[in-house]
Amino acid sequence: MPASRTRPPDQRRRGSGAARPPVVEAVVRWAGAGLDRWKRLSRTWRVSIAAALAAVVAAGVWLALPEPSDEPRARQYLAFKACLLTDSHGIAGKDAAPVWEGMRRASLKTHAKIQYLAVPGPATVANARPYLASLVQRQCGVIIAAGKLATDTVTANARGFAEAHFVVLGTAGAAENVRAVQVSGTPVADAVERVVSEAVG
């Protein structure tokens, strides 16, 4: 008698009508009941509930976002200061503008501080000397002269401020603490940027 080909009970394929697990059946019933209740609601109630859910979701997303810092991170400057002496036109003057641009570039590169001081009133060395002395008292690491008035003032008074370091564009005076920067054939801003960067070290 041929052997039976009937599979053991645990290996028989379940039919498509097999009963679902109790947990799945409960979830299906709950979802169906909720959908039925939703369909019975008026359109106004549906809109109100949807708007409330959207507000809850939006609030959750907003709370999950990191809080922005109160202030942008402050730039860390060095203690070194490069200072500029100008005539009454300040850094807007034709002689001072390219010098200030070079100092600004050097500051971005080295994080050195930069300052300028304009000389108001008569364009004389005697009138400008107290302003030069003010920059020396501020302990500027290097003091740059922009224009004829500032250059003449540095040349005439550099020996009296032996502890200071000065830079003039063109021909320097006889004092050892005055450095002359030749700018013929070189943009003034580039030359000044180089000088300030070298002074910062």
Protein backbone atom coordinates (compact mmCIF):
# COMPACT_ATOMS: atom_id res chain seq x y z
CA MET A 1 0.00 0.00 0.00
CA PRO A 2 1.57 3.31 -1.02
CA ALA A 3 2.67 5.65 1.72
CA SER A 4 0.32 8.51 2.44
CA ARG A 5 1.40 11.88 1.10
CA THR A 6 -0.61 13.77 3.68
CA ARG A 7 1.56 16.37 5.48
CA PRO A 8 1.73 16.44 9.25
CA PRO A 9 -0.74 18.87 10.83
CA ASP A 10 1.99 21.46 11.67
CA GLN A 11 3.15 21.63 8.05
CA ARG A 12 -0.24 22.11 6.38
CA ARG A 13 -0.66 25.42 4.58
CA ARG A 14 -3.15 27.72 6.24
CA GLY A 15 -6.05 28.83 4.18
CA SER A 16 -6.80 32.43 3.39
CA GLY A 17 -9.67 32.37 5.86
CA ALA A 18 -7.53 31.55 8.90
CA ALA A 19 -8.47 33.45 12.05
CA ARG A 20 -6.37 36.54 12.89
CA PRO A 21 -4.58 36.77 16.25
CA PRO A 22 -6.74 38.35 18.99
CA VAL A 23 -4.51 41.47 19.22
CA VAL A 24 -4.77 42.17 15.49
CA GLU A 25 -8.49 41.59 15.57
CA ALA A 26 -8.88 44.07 18.43
CA VAL A 27 -6.87 46.75 16.61
CA VAL A 28 -8.92 46.29 13.45
CA ARG A 29 -12.19 46.62 15.39
CA TRP A 30 -10.91 49.74 17.20
CA ALA A 31 -9.78 51.38 13.94
CA GLY A 32 -13.05 50.55 12.25
CA ALA A 33 -15.06 52.02 15.10
CA GLY A 34 -12.94 55.21 15.07
CA LEU A 35 -13.35 55.61 11.32
CA ASP A 36 -17.08 55.14 11.66
CA ARG A 37 -17.30 57.81 14.37
CA TRP A 38 -15.16 60.18 12.23
CA LYS A 39 -17.55 59.76 9.27
CA ARG A 40 -20.52 60.63 11.48
CA LEU A 41 -18.95 63.95 12.57
CA SER A 42 -20.02 67.15 10.82
CA ARG A 43 -17.62 68.87 8.45
CA THR A 44 -17.10 71.72 10.95
CA TRP A 45 -15.96 69.30 13.65
CA ARG A 46 -13.61 67.54 11.24
CA VAL A 47 -11.95 70.83 10.27
CA SER A 48 -11.62 71.88 13.92
CA ILE A 49 -10.04 68.59 14.98
CA ALA A 50 -7.62 68.59 12.03
CA ALA A 51 -6.54 72.17 12.84
CA ALA A 52 -5.99 71.27 16.50
CA LEU A 53 -3.85 68.25 15.56
CA ALA A 54 -1.79 70.37 13.15
CA ALA A 55 -1.19 72.94 15.90
CA VAL A 56 -0.05 70.23 18.32
CA VAL A 57 2.37 68.79 15.75
CA ALA A 58 3.76 72.25 14.91
CA ALA A 59 4.28 73.04 18.59
CA GLY A 60 6.11 69.77 19.08
CA VAL A 61 8.43 70.44 16.16
CA TRP A 62 9.12 73.98 17.41
CA LEU A 63 9.97 72.74 20.91
CA ALA A 64 12.29 70.10 19.47
CA LEU A 65 14.38 72.66 17.60
CA PRO A 66 17.58 73.86 19.33
CA GLU A 67 17.39 77.33 20.80
CA PRO A 68 19.48 79.92 18.91
CA SER A 69 22.20 81.63 20.89
CA ASP A 70 21.29 85.08 22.15
CA GLU A 71 24.31 86.70 20.53
CA PRO A 72 26.63 85.73 17.70
CA ARG A 73 29.99 84.46 18.81
CA ALA A 74 32.22 87.45 19.50
CA ARG A 75 35.40 87.64 17.50
CA GLN A 76 38.48 87.07 19.63
CA TYR A 77 41.01 89.85 19.13
CA LEU A 78 44.67 89.93 20.08
CA ALA A 79 46.04 92.46 22.53
CA PHE A 80 48.12 93.92 19.68
CA LYS A 81 46.83 97.21 18.25
CA ALA A 82 47.75 98.87 14.97
CA CYS A 83 46.89 102.57 14.94
CA LEU A 84 46.55 105.15 12.19
CA LEU A 85 47.09 108.91 12.38
CA THR A 86 45.26 110.95 9.73
CA ASP A 87 44.39 114.54 8.94
CA SER A 88 40.93 115.98 9.55
CA HIS A 89 39.40 113.91 6.75
CA GLY A 90 39.89 110.69 8.75
CA ILE A 91 39.85 107.34 6.96
CA ALA A 92 37.70 108.84 4.19
CA GLY A 93 40.64 110.93 2.97
CA LYS A 94 42.39 109.92 -0.24
CA ASP A 95 45.66 109.20 1.56
CA ALA A 96 44.15 107.35 4.52
CA ALA A 97 41.52 105.22 2.76
CA PRO A 98 43.91 102.67 1.16
CA VAL A 99 46.01 102.56 4.34
CA TRP A 100 42.94 101.77 6.42
CA GLU A 101 41.90 99.10 3.92
CA GLY A 102 45.27 97.39 4.32
CA MET A 103 44.98 97.58 8.11
CA ARG A 104 41.48 96.10 7.91
CA ARG A 105 42.72 93.17 5.84
CA ALA A 106 45.57 92.56 8.27
CA SER A 107 43.11 92.61 11.16
CA LEU A 108 40.93 89.98 9.49
CA LYS A 109 44.00 87.82 8.93
CA THR A 110 45.75 88.25 12.29
CA HIS A 111 42.88 89.30 14.64
CA ALA A 112 44.86 92.38 15.67
CA LYS A 113 42.87 95.42 16.74
CA ILE A 114 42.94 98.52 14.55
CA GLN A 115 42.19 102.13 15.48
CA TYR A 116 42.54 105.53 13.89
CA LEU A 117 42.73 109.09 15.16
CA ALA A 118 42.00 112.14 13.00
CA VAL A 119 43.65 115.49 13.72
CA PRO A 120 41.05 118.29 13.68
CA GLY A 121 41.87 121.97 13.43
CA PRO A 122 44.94 123.49 11.81
CA ALA A 123 47.00 121.14 9.68
CA THR A 124 50.25 121.83 11.53
CA VAL A 125 52.77 119.56 13.21
CA ALA A 126 52.38 121.47 16.47
CA ASN A 127 48.63 120.87 16.46
CA ALA A 128 48.98 117.21 15.49
CA ARG A 129 51.66 116.32 18.09
CA PRO A 130 49.21 115.80 21.02
CA TYR A 131 47.19 113.37 18.89
CA LEU A 132 50.32 111.41 18.06
CA ALA A 133 51.15 111.33 21.77
CA SER A 134 47.65 110.01 22.47
CA LEU A 135 48.25 107.03 20.18
CA VAL A 136 51.54 106.33 21.92
CA GLN A 137 49.78 106.36 25.29
CA ARG A 138 47.27 103.85 23.96
CA GLN A 139 50.21 101.45 23.60
CA CYS A 140 49.73 100.85 19.90
CA GLY A 141 52.06 98.14 18.64
CA VAL A 142 52.63 100.11 15.46
CA ILE A 143 51.53 103.63 14.50
CA ILE A 144 51.08 104.35 10.79
CA ALA A 145 51.08 107.85 9.31
CA ALA A 146 48.70 108.52 6.43
CA GLY A 147 49.19 111.71 4.43
CA LYS A 148 51.64 114.62 4.65
CA LEU A 149 50.49 116.02 7.99
CA ALA A 150 50.76 112.69 9.80
CA THR A 151 54.07 111.84 8.11
CA ASP A 152 55.62 115.20 9.01
CA THR A 153 54.39 114.86 12.60
CA VAL A 154 55.92 111.39 13.00
CA THR A 155 59.20 112.47 11.40
CA ALA A 156 59.49 115.50 13.68
CA ASN A 157 58.55 113.75 16.93
CA ALA A 158 59.59 110.08 16.63
CA ARG A 159 62.75 110.53 18.71
CA GLY A 160 60.65 111.84 21.58
CA PHE A 161 58.68 108.58 21.63
CA ALA A 162 61.53 106.12 21.48
CA GLU A 163 59.43 103.25 22.85
CA ALA A 164 56.94 103.48 19.96
CA HIS A 165 57.19 101.99 16.47
CA PHE A 166 56.14 104.12 13.52
CA VAL A 167 55.51 103.44 9.82
CA VAL A 168 55.45 106.09 7.11
CA LEU A 169 54.85 105.67 3.40
CA GLY A 170 57.80 106.87 1.39
CA THR A 171 60.97 108.35 2.90
CA ALA A 172 61.55 107.85 6.61
CA GLY A 173 63.03 110.32 9.03
CA ALA A 174 66.35 109.79 10.75
CA ALA A 175 64.87 108.14 13.86
CA GLU A 176 65.55 104.43 14.24
CA ASN A 177 61.99 103.68 15.32
CA VAL A 178 60.52 104.91 12.02
CA ARG A 179 60.11 102.41 9.20
CA ALA A 180 59.64 103.59 5.65
CA VAL A 181 57.44 101.55 3.32
CA GLN A 182 58.03 102.11 -0.37
CA VAL A 183 54.77 101.80 -2.31
CA SER A 184 55.92 102.62 -5.83
CA GLY A 185 54.58 99.86 -8.07
CA THR A 186 52.74 98.23 -5.15
CA PRO A 187 49.16 98.96 -4.06
CA VAL A 188 49.21 100.86 -0.78
CA ALA A 189 46.66 98.52 0.81
CA ASP A 190 48.80 95.47 -0.01
CA ALA A 191 51.95 97.08 1.40
CA VAL A 192 50.23 98.14 4.61
CA GLU A 193 48.61 94.74 5.07
CA ARG A 194 52.03 93.13 4.84
CA VAL A 195 53.64 95.57 7.27
CA VAL A 196 50.93 95.19 9.92
CA SER A 197 50.91 91.39 9.60
CA GLU A 198 54.69 91.32 10.07
CA ALA A 199 54.42 93.59 13.11
CA VAL A 200 51.87 91.29 14.71
CA GLY A 201 54.22 88.37 14.10
